């Protein structure tokens, strides 16, 4: 059982930091898609960006969504 509870200030930090990281990651994938040359080397670079930055950006976005959900749930339970 987890005895350590994360407070709302820490959830806000998670939300802001991981949301910003996800935004930067998705922006990096978009820039790679727009500016990589259309040749075999560029296609390999594009694939590497999708494989790494796409996956990690999704993970960062999920952490940000989790912390936003926890903030909402804690806000709704504190109002009662």
PDB file of N, CA and C in Angstrom:
ATOM      1  N   UNK A   1       0.845  -1.171   0.000  1.00  0.00           N
ATOM      2  CA  UNK A   1       0.000   0.000   0.000  1.00  0.00           C
ATOM      3  C   UNK A   1       0.896   1.242   0.000  1.00  0.00           C
ATOM      4  N   UNK A   2       0.480   2.229  -0.732  1.00  0.00           N
ATOM      5  CA  UNK A   2       1.229   3.485  -0.831  1.00  0.00           C
ATOM      6  C   UNK A   2       0.757   4.439   0.271  1.00  0.00           C
ATOM      7  N   UNK A   3       1.684   4.781   1.176  1.00  0.00           N
ATOM      8  CA  UNK A   3       1.334   5.691   2.254  1.00  0.00           C
ATOM      9  C   UNK A   3       1.636   7.143   1.904  1.00  0.00           C
ATOM     10  N   UNK A   4       2.354   7.369   0.831  1.00  0.00           N
ATOM     11  CA  UNK A   4       2.733   8.724   0.444  1.00  0.00           C
ATOM     12  C   UNK A   4       1.689   9.308  -0.495  1.00  0.00           C
ATOM     13  N   UNK A   5       1.133  10.437  -0.120  1.00  0.00           N
ATOM     14  CA  UNK A   5       0.135  11.110  -0.949  1.00  0.00           C
ATOM     15  C   UNK A   5       0.757  12.350  -1.582  1.00  0.00           C
ATOM     16  N   UNK A   6       0.504  12.541  -2.848  1.00  0.00           N
ATOM     17  CA  UNK A   6       1.001  13.723  -3.549  1.00  0.00           C
ATOM     18  C   UNK A   6       0.001  14.855  -3.348  1.00  0.00           C
ATOM     19  N   UNK A   7       0.493  16.017  -2.933  1.00  0.00           N
ATOM     20  CA  UNK A   7      -0.418  17.134  -2.703  1.00  0.00           C
ATOM     21  C   UNK A   7      -0.720  17.863  -4.010  1.00  0.00           C
ATOM     22  N   UNK A   8      -1.635  18.805  -3.950  1.00  0.00           N
ATOM     23  CA  UNK A   8      -2.098  19.463  -5.187  1.00  0.00           C
ATOM     24  C   UNK A   8      -1.014  20.329  -5.817  1.00  0.00           C
ATOM     25  N   UNK A   9      -0.112  20.893  -5.015  1.00  0.00           N
ATOM     26  CA  UNK A   9       0.970  21.686  -5.587  1.00  0.00           C
ATOM     27  C   UNK A   9       1.884  20.814  -6.455  1.00  0.00           C
ATOM     28  N   UNK A  10       2.152  19.608  -6.005  1.00  0.00           N
ATOM     29  CA  UNK A  10       2.973  18.684  -6.790  1.00  0.00           C
ATOM     30  C   UNK A  10       2.239  18.239  -8.054  1.00  0.00           C
ATOM     31  N   UNK A  11       0.929  18.067  -7.968  1.00  0.00           N
ATOM     32  CA  UNK A  11       0.162  17.731  -9.177  1.00  0.00           C
ATOM     33  C   UNK A  11       0.212  18.874 -10.185  1.00  0.00           C
ATOM     34  N   UNK A  12       0.155  20.122  -9.719  1.00  0.00           N
ATOM     35  CA  UNK A  12       0.275  21.261 -10.631  1.00  0.00           C
ATOM     36  C   UNK A  12       1.636  21.265 -11.317  1.00  0.00           C
ATOM     37  N   UNK A  13       2.698  20.946 -10.567  1.00  0.00           N
ATOM     38  CA  UNK A  13       4.037  20.892 -11.165  1.00  0.00           C
ATOM     39  C   UNK A  13       4.088  19.799 -12.220  1.00  0.00           C
ATOM     40  N   UNK A  14       3.557  18.618 -11.901  1.00  0.00           N
ATOM     41  CA  UNK A  14       3.503  17.535 -12.890  1.00  0.00           C
ATOM     42  C   UNK A  14       2.743  17.972 -14.142  1.00  0.00           C
ATOM     43  N   UNK A  15       1.600  18.594 -13.938  1.00  0.00           N
ATOM     44  CA  UNK A  15       0.769  19.010 -15.062  1.00  0.00           C
ATOM     45  C   UNK A  15       1.493  20.005 -15.954  1.00  0.00           C
ATOM     46  N   UNK A  16       2.108  21.009 -15.359  1.00  0.00           N
ATOM     47  CA  UNK A  16       2.763  22.051 -16.145  1.00  0.00           C
ATOM     48  C   UNK A  16       4.028  21.527 -16.823  1.00  0.00           C
ATOM     49  N   UNK A  17       4.892  20.863 -16.062  1.00  0.00           N
ATOM     50  CA  UNK A  17       6.176  20.413 -16.613  1.00  0.00           C
ATOM     51  C   UNK A  17       5.971  19.339 -17.677  1.00  0.00           C
ATOM     52  N   UNK A  18       5.193  18.315 -17.374  1.00  0.00           N
ATOM     53  CA  UNK A  18       5.019  17.234 -18.348  1.00  0.00           C
ATOM     54  C   UNK A  18       4.156  17.668 -19.532  1.00  0.00           C
ATOM     55  N   UNK A  19       3.217  18.566 -19.309  1.00  0.00           N
ATOM     56  CA  UNK A  19       2.455  19.114 -20.436  1.00  0.00           C
ATOM     57  C   UNK A  19       3.352  19.905 -21.379  1.00  0.00           C
ATOM     58  N   UNK A  20       4.251  20.697 -20.798  1.00  0.00           N
ATOM     59  CA  UNK A  20       5.193  21.466 -21.621  1.00  0.00           C
ATOM     60  C   UNK A  20       6.147  20.535 -22.361  1.00  0.00           C
ATOM     61  N   UNK A  21       6.628  19.490 -21.697  1.00  0.00           N
ATOM     62  CA  UNK A  21       7.517  18.524 -22.365  1.00  0.00           C
ATOM     63  C   UNK A  21       6.796  17.813 -23.503  1.00  0.00           C
ATOM     64  N   UNK A  22       5.541  17.437 -23.296  1.00  0.00           N
ATOM     65  CA  UNK A  22       4.771  16.783 -24.358  1.00  0.00           C
ATOM     66  C   UNK A  22       4.567  17.729 -25.535  1.00  0.00           C
ATOM     67  N   UNK A  23       4.281  18.987 -25.241  1.00  0.00           N
ATOM     68  CA  UNK A  23       4.114  19.975 -26.304  1.00  0.00           C
ATOM     69  C   UNK A  23       5.400  20.148 -27.109  1.00  0.00           C
ATOM     70  N   UNK A  24       6.527  20.224 -26.424  1.00  0.00           N
ATOM     71  CA  UNK A  24       7.809  20.330 -27.127  1.00  0.00           C
ATOM     72  C   UNK A  24       8.114  19.073 -27.939  1.00  0.00           C
ATOM     73  N   UNK A  25       7.784  17.917 -27.391  1.00  0.00           N
ATOM     74  CA  UNK A  25       8.027  16.664 -28.115  1.00  0.00           C
ATOM     75  C   UNK A  25       7.197  16.566 -29.379  1.00  0.00           C
ATOM     76  N   UNK A  26       5.907  16.893 -29.281  1.00  0.00           N
ATOM     77  CA  UNK A  26       5.062  16.856 -30.473  1.00  0.00           C
ATOM     78  C   UNK A  26       5.488  17.916 -31.484  1.00  0.00           C
ATOM     79  N   UNK A  27       5.964  19.055 -30.989  1.00  0.00           N
ATOM     80  CA  UNK A  27       6.481  20.094 -31.894  1.00  0.00           C
ATOM     81  C   UNK A  27       7.732  19.607 -32.617  1.00  0.00           C
ATOM     82  N   UNK A  28       8.586  18.877 -31.903  1.00  0.00           N
ATOM     83  CA  UNK A  28       9.788  18.323 -32.528  1.00  0.00           C
ATOM     84  C   UNK A  28       9.455  17.323 -33.622  1.00  0.00           C
ATOM     85  N   UNK A  29       8.453  16.502 -33.384  1.00  0.00           N
ATOM     86  CA  UNK A  29       8.017  15.542 -34.407  1.00  0.00           C
ATOM     87  C   UNK A  29       7.465  16.293 -35.619  1.00  0.00           C
ATOM     88  N   UNK A  30       6.696  17.336 -35.378  1.00  0.00           N
ATOM     89  CA  UNK A  30       6.141  18.131 -36.468  1.00  0.00           C
ATOM     90  C   UNK A  30       7.240  18.813 -37.279  1.00  0.00           C
ATOM     91  N   UNK A  31       8.225  19.378 -36.601  1.00  0.00           N
ATOM     92  CA  UNK A  31       9.339  20.031 -37.304  1.00  0.00           C
ATOM     93  C   UNK A  31      10.146  19.002 -38.093  1.00  0.00           C
ATOM     94  N   UNK A  32      10.367  17.826 -37.513  1.00  0.00           N
ATOM     95  CA  UNK A  32      11.085  16.775 -38.239  1.00  0.00           C
ATOM     96  C   UNK A  32      10.307  16.355 -39.482  1.00  0.00           C
ATOM     97  N   UNK A  33       9.005  16.272 -39.361  1.00  0.00           N
ATOM     98  CA  UNK A  33       8.186  15.892 -40.516  1.00  0.00           C
ATOM     99  C   UNK A  33       8.264  16.943 -41.621  1.00  0.00           C
ATOM    100  N   UNK A  34       8.292  18.207 -41.229  1.00  0.00           N
ATOM    101  CA  UNK A  34       8.295  19.278 -42.226  1.00  0.00           C
ATOM    102  C   UNK A  34       9.658  19.468 -42.886  1.00  0.00           C
ATOM    103  N   UNK A  35      10.746  19.299 -42.140  1.00  0.00           N
ATOM    104  CA  UNK A  35      12.050  19.690 -42.655  1.00  0.00           C
ATOM    105  C   UNK A  35      13.008  18.547 -42.973  1.00  0.00           C
ATOM    106  N   UNK A  36      12.651  17.307 -42.684  1.00  0.00           N
ATOM    107  CA  UNK A  36      13.527  16.197 -43.069  1.00  0.00           C
ATOM    108  C   UNK A  36      13.466  16.023 -44.576  1.00  0.00           C
ATOM    109  N   UNK A  37      14.610  15.811 -45.225  1.00  0.00           N
ATOM    110  CA  UNK A  37      14.599  15.635 -46.675  1.00  0.00           C
ATOM    111  C   UNK A  37      13.914  14.324 -47.067  1.00  0.00           C
ATOM    112  N   UNK A  38      13.387  14.320 -48.270  1.00  0.00           N
ATOM    113  CA  UNK A  38      12.683  13.134 -48.757  1.00  0.00           C
ATOM    114  C   UNK A  38      13.683  12.231 -49.472  1.00  0.00           C
ATOM    115  N   UNK A  39      14.535  11.583 -48.680  1.00  0.00           N
ATOM    116  CA  UNK A  39      15.487  10.601 -49.187  1.00  0.00           C
ATOM    117  C   UNK A  39      15.635   9.510 -48.136  1.00  0.00           C
ATOM    118  N   UNK A  40      16.385   8.452 -48.418  1.00  0.00           N
ATOM    119  CA  UNK A  40      16.471   7.367 -47.423  1.00  0.00           C
ATOM    120  C   UNK A  40      16.995   7.818 -46.055  1.00  0.00           C
ATOM    121  N   UNK A  41      17.979   8.713 -46.027  1.00  0.00           N
ATOM    122  CA  UNK A  41      18.495   9.199 -44.755  1.00  0.00           C
ATOM    123  C   UNK A  41      17.457  10.005 -43.993  1.00  0.00           C
ATOM    124  N   UNK A  42      16.747  10.857 -44.708  1.00  0.00           N
ATOM    125  CA  UNK A  42      15.696  11.643 -44.075  1.00  0.00           C
ATOM    126  C   UNK A  42      14.561  10.776 -43.574  1.00  0.00           C
ATOM    127  N   UNK A  43      14.234   9.724 -44.339  1.00  0.00           N
ATOM    128  CA  UNK A  43      13.175   8.816 -43.900  1.00  0.00           C
ATOM    129  C   UNK A  43      13.571   8.068 -42.629  1.00  0.00           C
ATOM    130  N   UNK A  44      14.865   7.690 -42.525  1.00  0.00           N
ATOM    131  CA  UNK A  44      15.324   7.030 -41.302  1.00  0.00           C
ATOM    132  C   UNK A  44      15.304   7.997 -40.117  1.00  0.00           C
ATOM    133  N   UNK A  45      15.672   9.242 -40.359  1.00  0.00           N
ATOM    134  CA  UNK A  45      15.611  10.250 -39.307  1.00  0.00           C
ATOM    135  C   UNK A  45      14.188  10.510 -38.854  1.00  0.00           C
ATOM    136  N   UNK A  46      13.285  10.566 -39.803  1.00  0.00           N
ATOM    137  CA  UNK A  46      11.870  10.766 -39.486  1.00  0.00           C
ATOM    138  C   UNK A  46      11.330   9.589 -38.667  1.00  0.00           C
ATOM    139  N   UNK A  47      11.701   8.386 -39.060  1.00  0.00           N
ATOM    140  CA  UNK A  47      11.279   7.195 -38.330  1.00  0.00           C
ATOM    141  C   UNK A  47      11.825   7.204 -36.904  1.00  0.00           C
ATOM    142  N   UNK A  48      13.076   7.620 -36.749  1.00  0.00           N
ATOM    143  CA  UNK A  48      13.664   7.697 -35.406  1.00  0.00           C
ATOM    144  C   UNK A  48      12.935   8.727 -34.548  1.00  0.00           C
ATOM    145  N   UNK A  49      12.564   9.854 -35.139  1.00  0.00           N
ATOM    146  CA  UNK A  49      11.831  10.866 -34.383  1.00  0.00           C
ATOM    147  C   UNK A  49      10.464  10.347 -33.955  1.00  0.00           C
ATOM    148  N   UNK A  50       9.772   9.652 -34.861  1.00  0.00           N
ATOM    149  CA  UNK A  50       8.479   9.087 -34.491  1.00  0.00           C
ATOM    150  C   UNK A  50       8.637   8.040 -33.396  1.00  0.00           C
ATOM    151  N   UNK A  51       9.660   7.207 -33.535  1.00  0.00           N
ATOM    152  CA  UNK A  51       9.835   6.116 -32.591  1.00  0.00           C
ATOM    153  C   UNK A  51      10.176   6.631 -31.196  1.00  0.00           C
ATOM    154  N   UNK A  52      11.068   7.605 -31.108  1.00  0.00           N
ATOM    155  CA  UNK A  52      11.466   8.083 -29.785  1.00  0.00           C
ATOM    156  C   UNK A  52      10.587   9.228 -29.293  1.00  0.00           C
ATOM    157  N   UNK A  53      10.562  10.312 -30.032  1.00  0.00           N
ATOM    158  CA  UNK A  53       9.842  11.502 -29.556  1.00  0.00           C
ATOM    159  C   UNK A  53       8.334  11.284 -29.530  1.00  0.00           C
ATOM    160  N   UNK A  54       7.821  10.529 -30.471  1.00  0.00           N
ATOM    161  CA  UNK A  54       6.384  10.258 -30.461  1.00  0.00           C
ATOM    162  C   UNK A  54       5.978   9.450 -29.245  1.00  0.00           C
ATOM    163  N   UNK A  55       6.744   8.401 -28.950  1.00  0.00           N
ATOM    164  CA  UNK A  55       6.426   7.547 -27.816  1.00  0.00           C
ATOM    165  C   UNK A  55       6.588   8.289 -26.497  1.00  0.00           C
ATOM    166  N   UNK A  56       7.693   8.994 -26.335  1.00  0.00           N
ATOM    167  CA  UNK A  56       7.910   9.697 -25.068  1.00  0.00           C
ATOM    168  C   UNK A  56       6.938  10.864 -24.907  1.00  0.00           C
ATOM    169  N   UNK A  57       6.578  11.511 -26.002  1.00  0.00           N
ATOM    170  CA  UNK A  57       5.611  12.601 -25.897  1.00  0.00           C
ATOM    171  C   UNK A  57       4.251  12.092 -25.456  1.00  0.00           C
ATOM    172  N   UNK A  58       3.870  10.923 -25.935  1.00  0.00           N
ATOM    173  CA  UNK A  58       2.614  10.324 -25.487  1.00  0.00           C
ATOM    174  C   UNK A  58       2.691   9.986 -24.004  1.00  0.00           C
ATOM    175  N   UNK A  59       3.827   9.449 -23.553  1.00  0.00           N
ATOM    176  CA  UNK A  59       3.989   9.133 -22.130  1.00  0.00           C
ATOM    177  C   UNK A  59       3.932  10.408 -21.292  1.00  0.00           C
ATOM    178  N   UNK A  60       4.598  11.464 -21.729  1.00  0.00           N
ATOM    179  CA  UNK A  60       4.571  12.730 -20.994  1.00  0.00           C
ATOM    180  C   UNK A  60       3.158  13.306 -20.954  1.00  0.00           C
ATOM    181  N   UNK A  61       2.442  13.210 -22.066  1.00  0.00           N
ATOM    182  CA  UNK A  61       1.070  13.720 -22.104  1.00  0.00           C
ATOM    183  C   UNK A  61       0.166  12.914 -21.170  1.00  0.00           C
ATOM    184  N   UNK A  62       0.385  11.609 -21.090  1.00  0.00           N
ATOM    185  CA  UNK A  62      -0.424  10.787 -20.194  1.00  0.00           C
ATOM    186  C   UNK A  62      -0.153  11.129 -18.731  1.00  0.00           C
ATOM    187  N   UNK A  63       1.092  11.420 -18.388  1.00  0.00           N
ATOM    188  CA  UNK A  63       1.397  11.833 -17.012  1.00  0.00           C
ATOM    189  C   UNK A  63       0.719  13.167 -16.718  1.00  0.00           C
ATOM    190  N   UNK A  64       0.750  14.090 -17.670  1.00  0.00           N
ATOM    191  CA  UNK A  64       0.091  15.386 -17.475  1.00  0.00           C
ATOM    192  C   UNK A  64      -1.422  15.200 -17.336  1.00  0.00           C
ATOM    193  N   UNK A  65      -2.009  14.331 -18.143  1.00  0.00           N
ATOM    194  CA  UNK A  65      -3.447  14.069 -18.021  1.00  0.00           C
ATOM    195  C   UNK A  65      -3.791  13.430 -16.684  1.00  0.00           C
ATOM    196  N   UNK A  66      -2.942  12.517 -16.221  1.00  0.00           N
ATOM    197  CA  UNK A  66      -3.165  11.881 -14.922  1.00  0.00           C
ATOM    198  C   UNK A  66      -3.154  12.919 -13.811  1.00  0.00           C
ATOM    199  N   UNK A  67      -2.176  13.817 -13.843  1.00  0.00           N
ATOM    200  CA  UNK A  67      -2.108  14.817 -12.775  1.00  0.00           C
ATOM    201  C   UNK A  67      -3.284  15.794 -12.863  1.00  0.00           C
ATOM    202  N   UNK A  68      -3.727  16.139 -14.072  1.00  0.00           N
ATOM    203  CA  UNK A  68      -4.912  16.973 -14.213  1.00  0.00           C
ATOM    204  C   UNK A  68      -6.157  16.284 -13.686  1.00  0.00           C
ATOM    205  N   UNK A  69      -6.254  14.986 -13.939  1.00  0.00           N
ATOM    206  CA  UNK A  69      -7.381  14.210 -13.410  1.00  0.00           C
ATOM    207  C   UNK A  69      -7.351  14.186 -11.887  1.00  0.00           C
ATOM    208  N   UNK A  70      -6.167  13.970 -11.322  1.00  0.00           N
ATOM    209  CA  UNK A  70      -6.047  13.942  -9.867  1.00  0.00           C
ATOM    210  C   UNK A  70      -6.390  15.304  -9.264  1.00  0.00           C
ATOM    211  N   UNK A  71      -6.020  16.382  -9.936  1.00  0.00           N
ATOM    212  CA  UNK A  71      -6.383  17.713  -9.453  1.00  0.00           C
ATOM    213  C   UNK A  71      -7.901  17.893  -9.470  1.00  0.00           C
ATOM    214  N   UNK A  72      -8.529  17.447 -10.528  1.00  0.00           N
ATOM    215  CA  UNK A  72      -9.985  17.587 -10.637  1.00  0.00           C
ATOM    216  C   UNK A  72     -10.698  16.755  -9.579  1.00  0.00           C
ATOM    217  N   UNK A  73     -10.240  15.528  -9.401  1.00  0.00           N
ATOM    218  CA  UNK A  73     -10.873  14.652  -8.410  1.00  0.00           C
ATOM    219  C   UNK A  73     -10.681  15.217  -7.009  1.00  0.00           C
ATOM    220  N   UNK A  74      -9.474  15.689  -6.707  1.00  0.00           N
ATOM    221  CA  UNK A  74      -9.246  16.240  -5.367  1.00  0.00           C
ATOM    222  C   UNK A  74     -10.033  17.532  -5.171  1.00  0.00           C
ATOM    223  N   UNK A  75     -10.204  18.295  -6.237  1.00  0.00           N
ATOM    224  CA  UNK A  75     -10.995  19.534  -6.146  1.00  0.00           C
ATOM    225  C   UNK A  75     -12.468  19.212  -5.893  1.00  0.00           C
ATOM    226  N   UNK A  76     -12.985  18.186  -6.573  1.00  0.00           N
ATOM    227  CA  UNK A  76     -14.390  17.814  -6.391  1.00  0.00           C
ATOM    228  C   UNK A  76     -14.636  17.213  -5.010  1.00  0.00           C
ATOM    229  N   UNK A  77     -13.684  16.455  -4.479  1.00  0.00           N
ATOM    230  CA  UNK A  77     -13.892  15.859  -3.162  1.00  0.00           C
ATOM    231  C   UNK A  77     -13.709  16.883  -2.056  1.00  0.00           C
ATOM    232  N   UNK A  78     -12.921  17.936  -2.277  1.00  0.00           N
ATOM    233  CA  UNK A  78     -12.725  18.966  -1.256  1.00  0.00           C
ATOM    234  C   UNK A  78     -13.895  19.933  -1.191  1.00  0.00           C
ATOM    235  N   UNK A  79     -14.699  20.024  -2.257  1.00  0.00           N
ATOM    236  CA  UNK A  79     -15.831  20.934  -2.269  1.00  0.00           C
ATOM    237  C   UNK A  79     -16.992  20.429  -1.413  1.00  0.00           C
ATOM    238  N   UNK A  80     -17.068  19.141  -1.177  1.00  0.00           N
ATOM    239  CA  UNK A  80     -18.204  18.567  -0.439  1.00  0.00           C
ATOM    240  C   UNK A  80     -18.092  18.797   1.036  1.00  0.00           C
TER     241      UNK A  80
END
